[in-house]
PDB file of N, CA and C in Angstrom:
ATOM      1  N   MET A   1     -57.651  53.805 -33.709  1.00  0.00           N
ATOM      2  CA  MET A   1     -58.883  53.088 -33.575  1.00  0.00           C
ATOM      3  C   MET A   1     -58.853  52.488 -31.713  1.00  0.00           C
ATOM      4  N   THR A   2     -59.492  52.933 -31.446  1.00  0.00           N
ATOM      5  CA  THR A   2     -59.270  52.850 -29.389  1.00  0.00           C
ATOM      6  C   THR A   2     -60.036  51.735 -29.470  1.00  0.00           C
ATOM      7  N   THR A   3     -59.688  50.811 -28.675  1.00  0.00           N
ATOM      8  CA  THR A   3     -60.554  48.759 -28.115  1.00  0.00           C
ATOM      9  C   THR A   3     -60.781  49.142 -26.618  1.00  0.00           C
ATOM     10  N   HIS A   4     -61.676  48.794 -26.121  1.00  0.00           N
ATOM     11  CA  HIS A   4     -62.721  48.947 -24.720  1.00  0.00           C
ATOM     12  C   HIS A   4     -62.221  47.561 -24.333  1.00  0.00           C
ATOM     13  N   PRO A   5     -62.088  47.796 -23.215  1.00  0.00           N
ATOM     14  CA  PRO A   5     -61.512  46.456 -22.126  1.00  0.00           C
ATOM     15  C   PRO A   5     -63.181  45.358 -22.391  1.00  0.00           C
ATOM     16  N   PHE A   6     -62.471  44.278 -22.077  1.00  0.00           N
ATOM     17  CA  PHE A   6     -63.410  43.393 -22.198  1.00  0.00           C
ATOM     18  C   PHE A   6     -64.083  43.282 -21.145  1.00  0.00           C
ATOM     19  N   ARG A   7     -65.449  42.588 -21.015  1.00  0.00           N
ATOM     20  CA  ARG A   7     -66.098  42.936 -19.753  1.00  0.00           C
ATOM     21  C   ARG A   7     -67.051  41.661 -20.063  1.00  0.00           C
ATOM     22  N   PHE A   8     -66.672  40.802 -18.604  1.00  0.00           N
ATOM     23  CA  PHE A   8     -67.045  39.394 -18.776  1.00  0.00           C
ATOM     24  C   PHE A   8     -68.343  39.187 -18.611  1.00  0.00           C
ATOM     25  N   LEU A   9     -69.653  39.745 -17.785  1.00  0.00           N
ATOM     26  CA  LEU A   9     -70.770  40.526 -17.607  1.00  0.00           C
ATOM     27  C   LEU A   9     -71.495  40.132 -18.505  1.00  0.00           C
ATOM     28  N   PRO A  10     -71.185  40.546 -19.496  1.00  0.00           N
ATOM     29  CA  PRO A  10     -71.582  40.628 -20.832  1.00  0.00           C
ATOM     30  C   PRO A  10     -71.571  39.665 -21.670  1.00  0.00           C
ATOM     31  N   PHE A  11     -70.716  39.458 -21.785  1.00  0.00           N
ATOM     32  CA  PHE A  11     -69.459  38.208 -21.999  1.00  0.00           C
ATOM     33  C   PHE A  11     -70.112  37.148 -21.710  1.00  0.00           C
ATOM     34  N   LEU A  12     -70.769  36.794 -21.300  1.00  0.00           N
ATOM     35  CA  LEU A  12     -71.307  35.218 -20.217  1.00  0.00           C
ATOM     36  C   LEU A  12     -72.611  35.479 -19.999  1.00  0.00           C
ATOM     37  N   SER A  13     -73.287  36.695 -19.889  1.00  0.00           N
ATOM     38  CA  SER A  13     -74.665  36.341 -20.364  1.00  0.00           C
ATOM     39  C   SER A  13     -74.996  36.172 -21.839  1.00  0.00           C
ATOM     40  N   GLY A  14     -73.957  36.854 -23.007  1.00  0.00           N
ATOM     41  CA  GLY A  14     -74.341  36.026 -24.751  1.00  0.00           C
ATOM     42  C   GLY A  14     -74.106  34.710 -24.884  1.00  0.00           C
ATOM     43  N   VAL A  15     -72.632  34.453 -23.820  1.00  0.00           N
ATOM     44  CA  VAL A  15     -72.864  32.695 -23.746  1.00  0.00           C
ATOM     45  C   VAL A  15     -74.046  32.325 -23.572  1.00  0.00           C
ATOM     46  N   LEU A  16     -74.582  32.432 -22.168  1.00  0.00           N
ATOM     47  CA  LEU A  16     -76.112  31.677 -21.657  1.00  0.00           C
ATOM     48  C   LEU A  16     -77.011  31.768 -22.848  1.00  0.00           C
ATOM     49  N   PHE A  17     -77.311  33.209 -23.250  1.00  0.00           N
ATOM     50  CA  PHE A  17     -78.225  33.169 -24.259  1.00  0.00           C
ATOM     51  C   PHE A  17     -77.812  32.034 -25.625  1.00  0.00           C
ATOM     52  N   LEU A  18     -76.637  32.160 -26.276  1.00  0.00           N
ATOM     53  CA  LEU A  18     -76.637  31.432 -27.086  1.00  0.00           C
ATOM     54  C   LEU A  18     -76.762  29.879 -26.616  1.00  0.00           C
ATOM     55  N   LEU A  19     -76.535  29.080 -25.320  1.00  0.00           N
ATOM     56  CA  LEU A  19     -76.490  27.999 -24.873  1.00  0.00           C
ATOM     57  C   LEU A  19     -77.978  27.911 -24.878  1.00  0.00           C
ATOM     58  N   ILE A  20     -78.853  28.516 -24.294  1.00  0.00           N
ATOM     59  CA  ILE A  20     -80.034  28.231 -24.071  1.00  0.00           C
ATOM     60  C   ILE A  20     -80.799  27.824 -25.586  1.00  0.00           C
ATOM     61  N   ALA A  21     -80.646  29.326 -26.867  1.00  0.00           N
ATOM     62  CA  ALA A  21     -81.054  29.252 -28.300  1.00  0.00           C
ATOM     63  C   ALA A  21     -80.497  27.535 -28.835  1.00  0.00           C
ATOM     64  N   ALA A  22     -79.693  27.746 -28.033  1.00  0.00           N
ATOM     65  CA  ALA A  22     -78.974  25.829 -29.012  1.00  0.00           C
ATOM     66  C   ALA A  22     -79.227  24.510 -28.262  1.00  0.00           C
ATOM     67  N   GLY A  23     -79.854  24.787 -27.167  1.00  0.00           N
ATOM     68  CA  GLY A  23     -80.544  23.661 -26.363  1.00  0.00           C
ATOM     69  C   GLY A  23     -81.656  23.344 -26.904  1.00  0.00           C
ATOM     70  N   TRP A  24     -82.591  24.791 -27.362  1.00  0.00           N
ATOM     71  CA  TRP A  24     -84.067  24.781 -27.763  1.00  0.00           C
ATOM     72  C   TRP A  24     -83.867  24.172 -29.075  1.00  0.00           C
ATOM     73  N   PHE A  25     -82.658  24.574 -29.823  1.00  0.00           N
ATOM     74  CA  PHE A  25     -82.967  24.182 -31.539  1.00  0.00           C
ATOM     75  C   PHE A  25     -82.457  22.504 -31.485  1.00  0.00           C
ATOM     76  N   MET A  26     -81.735  21.974 -30.766  1.00  0.00           N
ATOM     77  CA  MET A  26     -81.156  20.650 -30.344  1.00  0.00           C
ATOM     78  C   MET A  26     -82.330  19.955 -30.041  1.00  0.00           C
ATOM     79  N   VAL A  27     -83.325  20.080 -29.289  1.00  0.00           N
ATOM     80  CA  VAL A  27     -84.692  19.728 -28.455  1.00  0.00           C
ATOM     81  C   VAL A  27     -85.630  19.454 -29.877  1.00  0.00           C
ATOM     82  N   ASP A  28     -85.741  20.289 -30.354  1.00  0.00           N
ATOM     83  CA  ASP A  28     -86.860  21.047 -31.552  1.00  0.00           C
ATOM     84  C   ASP A  28     -86.506  19.846 -32.750  1.00  0.00           C
ATOM     85  N   SER A  29     -84.795  19.949 -32.559  1.00  0.00           N
ATOM     86  CA  SER A  29     -84.296  19.457 -34.340  1.00  0.00           C
ATOM     87  C   SER A  29     -84.379  17.368 -33.888  1.00  0.00           C
ATOM     88  N   ALA A  30     -84.304  17.048 -32.339  1.00  0.00           N
ATOM     89  CA  ALA A  30     -84.477  16.161 -32.023  1.00  0.00           C
ATOM     90  C   ALA A  30     -82.785  14.923 -31.418  1.00  0.00           C
ATOM     91  N   LEU A  31     -82.296  16.218 -31.430  1.00  0.00           N
ATOM     92  CA  LEU A  31     -80.458  15.460 -31.390  1.00  0.00           C
ATOM     93  C   LEU A  31     -80.687  15.258 -30.060  1.00  0.00           C
ATOM     94  N   LEU A  32     -81.070  16.078 -29.277  1.00  0.00           N
ATOM     95  CA  LEU A  32     -81.427  15.637 -27.777  1.00  0.00           C
ATOM     96  C   LEU A  32     -82.743  15.526 -26.957  1.00  0.00           C
ATOM     97  N   THR A  33     -82.821  14.615 -26.221  1.00  0.00           N
ATOM     98  CA  THR A  33     -84.165  14.620 -25.400  1.00  0.00           C
ATOM     99  C   THR A  33     -83.800  15.629 -24.541  1.00  0.00           C
ATOM    100  N   GLN A  34     -85.476  15.135 -23.739  1.00  0.00           N
ATOM    101  CA  GLN A  34     -85.418  16.318 -22.597  1.00  0.00           C
ATOM    102  C   GLN A  34     -84.537  16.126 -21.693  1.00  0.00           C
ATOM    103  N   ASP A  35     -83.952  15.064 -21.166  1.00  0.00           N
ATOM    104  CA  ASP A  35     -83.753  14.024 -20.077  1.00  0.00           C
ATOM    105  C   ASP A  35     -82.196  14.555 -20.514  1.00  0.00           C
ATOM    106  N   GLU A  36     -81.776  14.261 -21.696  1.00  0.00           N
ATOM    107  CA  GLU A  36     -79.891  14.633 -21.749  1.00  0.00           C
ATOM    108  C   GLU A  36     -79.941  16.065 -21.504  1.00  0.00           C
ATOM    109  N   LEU A  37     -80.934  17.066 -22.165  1.00  0.00           N
ATOM    110  CA  LEU A  37     -81.293  18.651 -21.813  1.00  0.00           C
ATOM    111  C   LEU A  37     -81.213  18.872 -20.543  1.00  0.00           C
ATOM    112  N   ARG A  38     -81.804  18.213 -19.406  1.00  0.00           N
ATOM    113  CA  ARG A  38     -81.971  18.357 -18.094  1.00  0.00           C
ATOM    114  C   ARG A  38     -80.214  18.107 -17.463  1.00  0.00           C
ATOM    115  N   LEU A  39     -79.889  17.796 -17.550  1.00  0.00           N
ATOM    116  CA  LEU A  39     -78.630  17.318 -17.241  1.00  0.00           C
ATOM    117  C   LEU A  39     -77.440  18.453 -17.882  1.00  0.00           C
ATOM    118  N   ALA A  40     -77.507  18.564 -19.249  1.00  0.00           N
ATOM    119  CA  ALA A  40     -76.836  19.385 -19.861  1.00  0.00           C
ATOM    120  C   ALA A  40     -76.913  20.690 -19.206  1.00  0.00           C
ATOM    121  N   GLY A  41     -78.219  21.070 -18.927  1.00  0.00           N
ATOM    122  CA  GLY A  41     -78.370  22.548 -18.474  1.00  0.00           C
ATOM    123  C   GLY A  41     -77.756  22.959 -17.130  1.00  0.00           C
ATOM    124  N   PRO A  42     -77.924  21.822 -16.254  1.00  0.00           N
ATOM    125  CA  PRO A  42     -77.118  22.408 -14.710  1.00  0.00           C
ATOM    126  C   PRO A  42     -75.886  22.670 -14.938  1.00  0.00           C
ATOM    127  N   ILE A  43     -75.102  21.877 -15.583  1.00  0.00           N
ATOM    128  CA  ILE A  43     -73.976  21.400 -16.165  1.00  0.00           C
ATOM    129  C   ILE A  43     -73.166  22.822 -16.465  1.00  0.00           C
ATOM    130  N   THR A  44     -74.052  23.123 -17.833  1.00  0.00           N
ATOM    131  CA  THR A  44     -73.807  25.095 -18.514  1.00  0.00           C
ATOM    132  C   THR A  44     -73.201  25.423 -17.376  1.00  0.00           C
ATOM    133  N   LEU A  45     -74.721  25.478 -16.111  1.00  0.00           N
ATOM    134  CA  LEU A  45     -74.966  27.042 -15.906  1.00  0.00           C
ATOM    135  C   LEU A  45     -73.753  26.501 -14.385  1.00  0.00           C
ATOM    136  N   ILE A  46     -73.183  25.423 -13.954  1.00  0.00           N
ATOM    137  CA  ILE A  46     -71.619  25.260 -13.409  1.00  0.00           C
ATOM    138  C   ILE A  46     -70.680  25.830 -13.839  1.00  0.00           C
ATOM    139  N   VAL A  47     -70.496  26.005 -15.117  1.00  0.00           N
ATOM    140  CA  VAL A  47     -68.977  26.185 -15.875  1.00  0.00           C
ATOM    141  C   VAL A  47     -69.177  27.219 -16.442  1.00  0.00           C
ATOM    142  N   LEU A  48     -70.669  28.552 -16.578  1.00  0.00           N
ATOM    143  CA  LEU A  48     -70.410  29.646 -16.574  1.00  0.00           C
ATOM    144  C   LEU A  48     -70.445  30.030 -15.034  1.00  0.00           C
ATOM    145  N   GLY A  49     -70.142  29.673 -13.976  1.00  0.00           N
ATOM    146  CA  GLY A  49     -70.784  30.197 -12.624  1.00  0.00           C
ATOM    147  C   GLY A  49     -68.925  30.068 -12.638  1.00  0.00           C
ATOM    148  N   LEU A  50     -68.211  28.762 -12.725  1.00  0.00           N
ATOM    149  CA  LEU A  50     -67.202  29.263 -12.396  1.00  0.00           C
ATOM    150  C   LEU A  50     -65.916  30.310 -13.390  1.00  0.00           C
ATOM    151  N   LEU A  51     -66.780  29.860 -14.512  1.00  0.00           N
ATOM    152  CA  LEU A  51     -66.107  31.243 -15.348  1.00  0.00           C
ATOM    153  C   LEU A  51     -66.189  32.265 -14.684  1.00  0.00           C
ATOM    154  N   GLY A  52     -67.762  32.973 -14.301  1.00  0.00           N
ATOM    155  CA  GLY A  52     -67.444  34.206 -14.016  1.00  0.00           C
ATOM    156  C   GLY A  52     -66.706  33.948 -12.321  1.00  0.00           C
ATOM    157  N   VAL A  53     -67.060  32.964 -11.396  1.00  0.00           N
ATOM    158  CA  VAL A  53     -65.827  33.132 -10.173  1.00  0.00           C
ATOM    159  C   VAL A  53     -64.289  33.581 -10.715  1.00  0.00           C
ATOM    160  N   ALA A  54     -63.856  32.683 -11.509  1.00  0.00           N
ATOM    161  CA  ALA A  54     -62.087  33.328 -12.377  1.00  0.00           C
ATOM    162  C   ALA A  54     -62.265  34.685 -12.556  1.00  0.00           C
ATOM    163  N   ALA A  55     -62.996  35.028 -13.272  1.00  0.00           N
ATOM    164  CA  ALA A  55     -62.981  36.491 -13.724  1.00  0.00           C
ATOM    165  C   ALA A  55     -63.004  37.516 -12.265  1.00  0.00           C
ATOM    166  N   THR A  56     -63.680  37.051 -11.281  1.00  0.00           N
ATOM    167  CA  THR A  56     -63.615  38.052 -10.445  1.00  0.00           C
ATOM    168  C   THR A  56     -62.244  37.581  -9.547  1.00  0.00           C
ATOM    169  N   PHE A  57     -61.808  36.716  -9.901  1.00  0.00           N
ATOM    170  CA  PHE A  57     -60.633  36.619  -9.138  1.00  0.00           C
ATOM    171  C   PHE A  57     -59.585  37.334  -9.875  1.00  0.00           C
ATOM    172  N   ARG A  58     -59.632  37.341 -11.001  1.00  0.00           N
ATOM    173  CA  ARG A  58     -58.026  37.947 -12.100  1.00  0.00           C
ATOM    174  C   ARG A  58     -57.526  38.959 -11.596  1.00  0.00           C
ATOM    175  N   SER A  59     -56.413  38.986 -11.945  1.00  0.00           N
ATOM    176  CA  SER A  59     -55.836  39.933 -11.851  1.00  0.00           C
ATOM    177  C   SER A  59     -55.805  41.782 -12.870  1.00  0.00           C
ATOM    178  N   ARG A  60     -56.315  42.700 -12.351  1.00  0.00           N
ATOM    179  CA  ARG A  60     -56.153  43.628 -13.282  1.00  0.00           C
ATOM    180  C   ARG A  60     -55.002  44.414 -13.137  1.00  0.00           C
ATOM    181  N   LYS A  61     -54.361  44.446 -14.357  1.00  0.00           N
ATOM    182  CA  LYS A  61     -52.993  45.418 -14.978  1.00  0.00           C
ATOM    183  C   LYS A  61     -53.347  46.619 -15.555  1.00  0.00           C
TER     184      LYS A  61
END
């Protein structure tokens, strides 16, 4: 069985989708307030952006 190379863009897109769904679930089930989610959203996007930049500069072997 051959393995395909790991691709960061689809991975980060999937993580972003899961985090949006998790944020919606947490607000809907009253685990987070809108104000707390308003702070967590930008932090999540910054972390994902840094992961994307790190993946760009990663050396290919």
